[in-house]
Amino acid sequence: MRIGSSIALIAIGLILALAVNIDVDGIDLDLIGWILAVVGVIGLVASLAMARRARPVVAPRADVYPPERDPRY
């Protein structure tokens, strides 16, 4: 699950939990909304942790840049 899909799950879940006032027989939309929001938050935390771990910090190499010239020449 990526960051965008996690945010979408959070948004859809909160809309179902807080803004929809429809009664459906046998389905609790409030509970489904809260479940989607919690799953979205867990996915967001997991994807941020994996994105941070996936990019290691690498020191720049000295041989990539040309040596500096003596300003006298």
N, C-alpha and C. Protein backbone atom coordinates (compact mmCIF):
# COMPACT_ATOMS: atom_id res chain seq x y z
N MET A 1 0.87 -1.16 0.00
CA MET A 1 0.00 0.00 0.00
C MET A 1 0.91 1.23 0.00
N ARG A 2 0.63 2.14 -0.88
CA ARG A 2 1.44 3.34 -0.99
C ARG A 2 0.80 4.48 -0.22
N ILE A 3 1.47 5.63 -0.22
CA ILE A 3 1.00 6.77 0.56
C ILE A 3 -0.33 7.28 0.02
N GLY A 4 -0.49 7.34 -1.28
CA GLY A 4 -1.73 7.85 -1.87
C GLY A 4 -2.93 6.97 -1.57
N SER A 5 -2.75 5.67 -1.66
CA SER A 5 -3.87 4.78 -1.36
C SER A 5 -4.19 4.78 0.13
N SER A 6 -3.20 4.98 0.98
CA SER A 6 -3.46 5.08 2.41
C SER A 6 -4.27 6.33 2.73
N ILE A 7 -3.91 7.43 2.13
CA ILE A 7 -4.66 8.67 2.35
C ILE A 7 -6.08 8.55 1.81
N ALA A 8 -6.24 7.86 0.68
CA ALA A 8 -7.58 7.65 0.13
C ALA A 8 -8.42 6.79 1.06
N LEU A 9 -7.83 5.73 1.64
CA LEU A 9 -8.57 4.90 2.59
C LEU A 9 -8.98 5.70 3.83
N ILE A 10 -8.08 6.55 4.31
CA ILE A 10 -8.40 7.38 5.47
C ILE A 10 -9.56 8.31 5.14
N ALA A 11 -9.50 8.94 3.98
CA ALA A 11 -10.56 9.88 3.59
C ALA A 11 -11.90 9.18 3.42
N ILE A 12 -11.90 8.06 2.72
CA ILE A 12 -13.16 7.33 2.50
C ILE A 12 -13.71 6.82 3.83
N GLY A 13 -12.83 6.32 4.68
CA GLY A 13 -13.27 5.82 5.98
C GLY A 13 -13.87 6.91 6.85
N LEU A 14 -13.22 8.07 6.89
CA LEU A 14 -13.76 9.16 7.71
C LEU A 14 -15.05 9.73 7.14
N ILE A 15 -15.19 9.73 5.83
CA ILE A 15 -16.45 10.17 5.23
C ILE A 15 -17.57 9.20 5.61
N LEU A 16 -17.29 7.90 5.52
CA LEU A 16 -18.32 6.92 5.90
C LEU A 16 -18.65 7.01 7.39
N ALA A 17 -17.64 7.22 8.23
CA ALA A 17 -17.85 7.20 9.67
C ALA A 17 -18.52 8.48 10.17
N LEU A 18 -18.19 9.61 9.58
CA LEU A 18 -18.63 10.87 10.16
C LEU A 18 -19.69 11.63 9.35
N ALA A 19 -19.74 11.41 8.03
CA ALA A 19 -20.60 12.27 7.22
C ALA A 19 -21.81 11.56 6.63
N VAL A 20 -21.79 10.25 6.54
CA VAL A 20 -22.89 9.53 5.90
C VAL A 20 -23.90 9.12 6.95
N ASN A 21 -25.15 9.46 6.73
CA ASN A 21 -26.22 9.13 7.67
C ASN A 21 -27.26 8.24 7.00
N ILE A 22 -26.82 7.19 6.35
CA ILE A 22 -27.73 6.27 5.67
C ILE A 22 -27.79 4.98 6.48
N ASP A 23 -28.99 4.47 6.71
CA ASP A 23 -29.17 3.20 7.41
C ASP A 23 -29.33 2.09 6.39
N VAL A 24 -28.43 1.13 6.43
CA VAL A 24 -28.48 -0.03 5.55
C VAL A 24 -28.68 -1.25 6.44
N ASP A 25 -29.66 -2.08 6.09
CA ASP A 25 -29.95 -3.26 6.89
C ASP A 25 -28.78 -4.24 6.86
N GLY A 26 -28.29 -4.60 8.04
CA GLY A 26 -27.23 -5.59 8.14
C GLY A 26 -25.83 -5.05 7.98
N ILE A 27 -25.67 -3.75 7.68
CA ILE A 27 -24.34 -3.17 7.48
C ILE A 27 -24.23 -1.92 8.34
N ASP A 28 -23.20 -1.86 9.16
CA ASP A 28 -22.94 -0.69 9.99
C ASP A 28 -21.89 0.16 9.28
N LEU A 29 -22.32 1.22 8.60
CA LEU A 29 -21.40 2.04 7.83
C LEU A 29 -20.42 2.80 8.73
N ASP A 30 -20.84 3.12 9.94
CA ASP A 30 -19.92 3.79 10.86
C ASP A 30 -18.74 2.89 11.20
N LEU A 31 -19.01 1.63 11.51
CA LEU A 31 -17.95 0.69 11.84
C LEU A 31 -17.04 0.44 10.63
N ILE A 32 -17.61 0.29 9.46
CA ILE A 32 -16.81 0.09 8.26
C ILE A 32 -15.93 1.30 7.99
N GLY A 33 -16.47 2.48 8.21
CA GLY A 33 -15.68 3.71 8.03
C GLY A 33 -14.51 3.79 8.98
N TRP A 34 -14.75 3.46 10.25
CA TRP A 34 -13.64 3.50 11.22
C TRP A 34 -12.60 2.43 10.91
N ILE A 35 -13.03 1.28 10.47
CA ILE A 35 -12.08 0.22 10.10
C ILE A 35 -11.22 0.67 8.93
N LEU A 36 -11.84 1.27 7.91
CA LEU A 36 -11.06 1.76 6.76
C LEU A 36 -10.09 2.85 7.17
N ALA A 37 -10.50 3.74 8.06
CA ALA A 37 -9.61 4.81 8.52
C ALA A 37 -8.42 4.24 9.28
N VAL A 38 -8.65 3.27 10.13
CA VAL A 38 -7.55 2.67 10.90
C VAL A 38 -6.60 1.92 9.97
N VAL A 39 -7.13 1.17 9.03
CA VAL A 39 -6.28 0.46 8.07
C VAL A 39 -5.47 1.46 7.24
N GLY A 40 -6.07 2.59 6.87
CA GLY A 40 -5.34 3.62 6.14
C GLY A 40 -4.21 4.23 6.95
N VAL A 41 -4.45 4.47 8.24
CA VAL A 41 -3.40 5.02 9.09
C VAL A 41 -2.26 4.02 9.26
N ILE A 42 -2.58 2.76 9.46
CA ILE A 42 -1.54 1.73 9.58
C ILE A 42 -0.74 1.62 8.27
N GLY A 43 -1.44 1.67 7.14
CA GLY A 43 -0.74 1.63 5.85
C GLY A 43 0.12 2.85 5.62
N LEU A 44 -0.34 4.02 6.07
CA LEU A 44 0.45 5.25 5.91
C LEU A 44 1.72 5.18 6.75
N VAL A 45 1.60 4.74 7.98
CA VAL A 45 2.78 4.62 8.84
C VAL A 45 3.76 3.59 8.27
N ALA A 46 3.25 2.48 7.80
CA ALA A 46 4.11 1.44 7.24
C ALA A 46 4.80 1.92 5.96
N SER A 47 4.06 2.61 5.09
CA SER A 47 4.68 3.07 3.84
C SER A 47 5.70 4.17 4.09
N LEU A 48 5.47 5.03 5.08
CA LEU A 48 6.47 6.06 5.41
C LEU A 48 7.71 5.42 6.01
N ALA A 49 7.54 4.41 6.83
CA ALA A 49 8.70 3.72 7.41
C ALA A 49 9.50 3.00 6.33
N MET A 50 8.81 2.37 5.39
CA MET A 50 9.51 1.67 4.32
C MET A 50 10.16 2.64 3.35
N ALA A 51 9.55 3.78 3.11
CA ALA A 51 10.14 4.77 2.20
C ALA A 51 11.40 5.37 2.82
N ARG A 52 11.38 5.56 4.13
CA ARG A 52 12.57 6.10 4.79
C ARG A 52 13.70 5.08 4.78
N ARG A 53 13.37 3.82 4.98
CA ARG A 53 14.38 2.78 5.02
C ARG A 53 14.93 2.48 3.63
N ALA A 54 14.16 2.72 2.58
CA ALA A 54 14.55 2.35 1.23
C ALA A 54 15.60 3.29 0.63
N ARG A 55 15.80 4.46 1.23
CA ARG A 55 16.74 5.42 0.69
C ARG A 55 17.93 5.59 1.62
N PRO A 56 18.96 4.79 1.46
CA PRO A 56 20.12 4.94 2.33
C PRO A 56 20.90 6.20 1.98
N VAL A 57 21.54 6.75 2.97
CA VAL A 57 22.35 7.95 2.76
C VAL A 57 23.74 7.50 2.34
N VAL A 58 24.17 8.01 1.20
CA VAL A 58 25.47 7.63 0.66
C VAL A 58 26.32 8.90 0.58
N ALA A 59 27.52 8.81 1.10
CA ALA A 59 28.44 9.95 1.04
C ALA A 59 28.92 10.14 -0.39
N PRO A 60 29.08 11.39 -0.81
CA PRO A 60 29.55 11.61 -2.19
C PRO A 60 30.99 11.13 -2.35
N ARG A 61 31.28 10.61 -3.52
CA ARG A 61 32.62 10.10 -3.81
C ARG A 61 33.51 11.25 -4.25
N ALA A 62 34.76 11.15 -3.92
CA ALA A 62 35.70 12.21 -4.27
C ALA A 62 36.07 12.15 -5.75
N ASP A 63 35.99 10.98 -6.38
CA ASP A 63 36.42 10.86 -7.76
C ASP A 63 35.34 11.28 -8.76
N VAL A 64 34.18 11.66 -8.30
CA VAL A 64 33.11 12.08 -9.21
C VAL A 64 33.37 13.49 -9.73
N TYR A 65 33.88 14.34 -8.87
CA TYR A 65 34.11 15.73 -9.25
C TYR A 65 35.56 15.90 -9.72
N PRO A 66 35.77 16.75 -10.72
CA PRO A 66 37.16 16.95 -11.17
C PRO A 66 37.96 17.67 -10.09
N PRO A 67 39.26 17.41 -10.06
CA PRO A 67 40.08 18.09 -9.04
C PRO A 67 40.09 19.60 -9.29
N GLU A 68 40.19 20.33 -8.20
CA GLU A 68 40.23 21.79 -8.35
C GLU A 68 41.57 22.21 -8.90
N ARG A 69 41.54 23.23 -9.74
CA ARG A 69 42.78 23.71 -10.35
C ARG A 69 43.39 24.78 -9.45
N ASP A 70 44.67 24.87 -9.59
CA ASP A 70 45.37 25.91 -8.86
C ASP A 70 44.99 27.25 -9.50
N PRO A 71 44.58 28.23 -8.72
CA PRO A 71 44.12 29.50 -9.32
C PRO A 71 45.21 30.26 -10.09
N ARG A 72 46.49 29.87 -9.95
CA ARG A 72 47.55 30.56 -10.67
C ARG A 72 47.59 30.20 -12.14
N TYR A 73 46.96 29.09 -12.55
CA TYR A 73 47.08 28.67 -13.94
C TYR A 73 45.88 29.01 -14.73
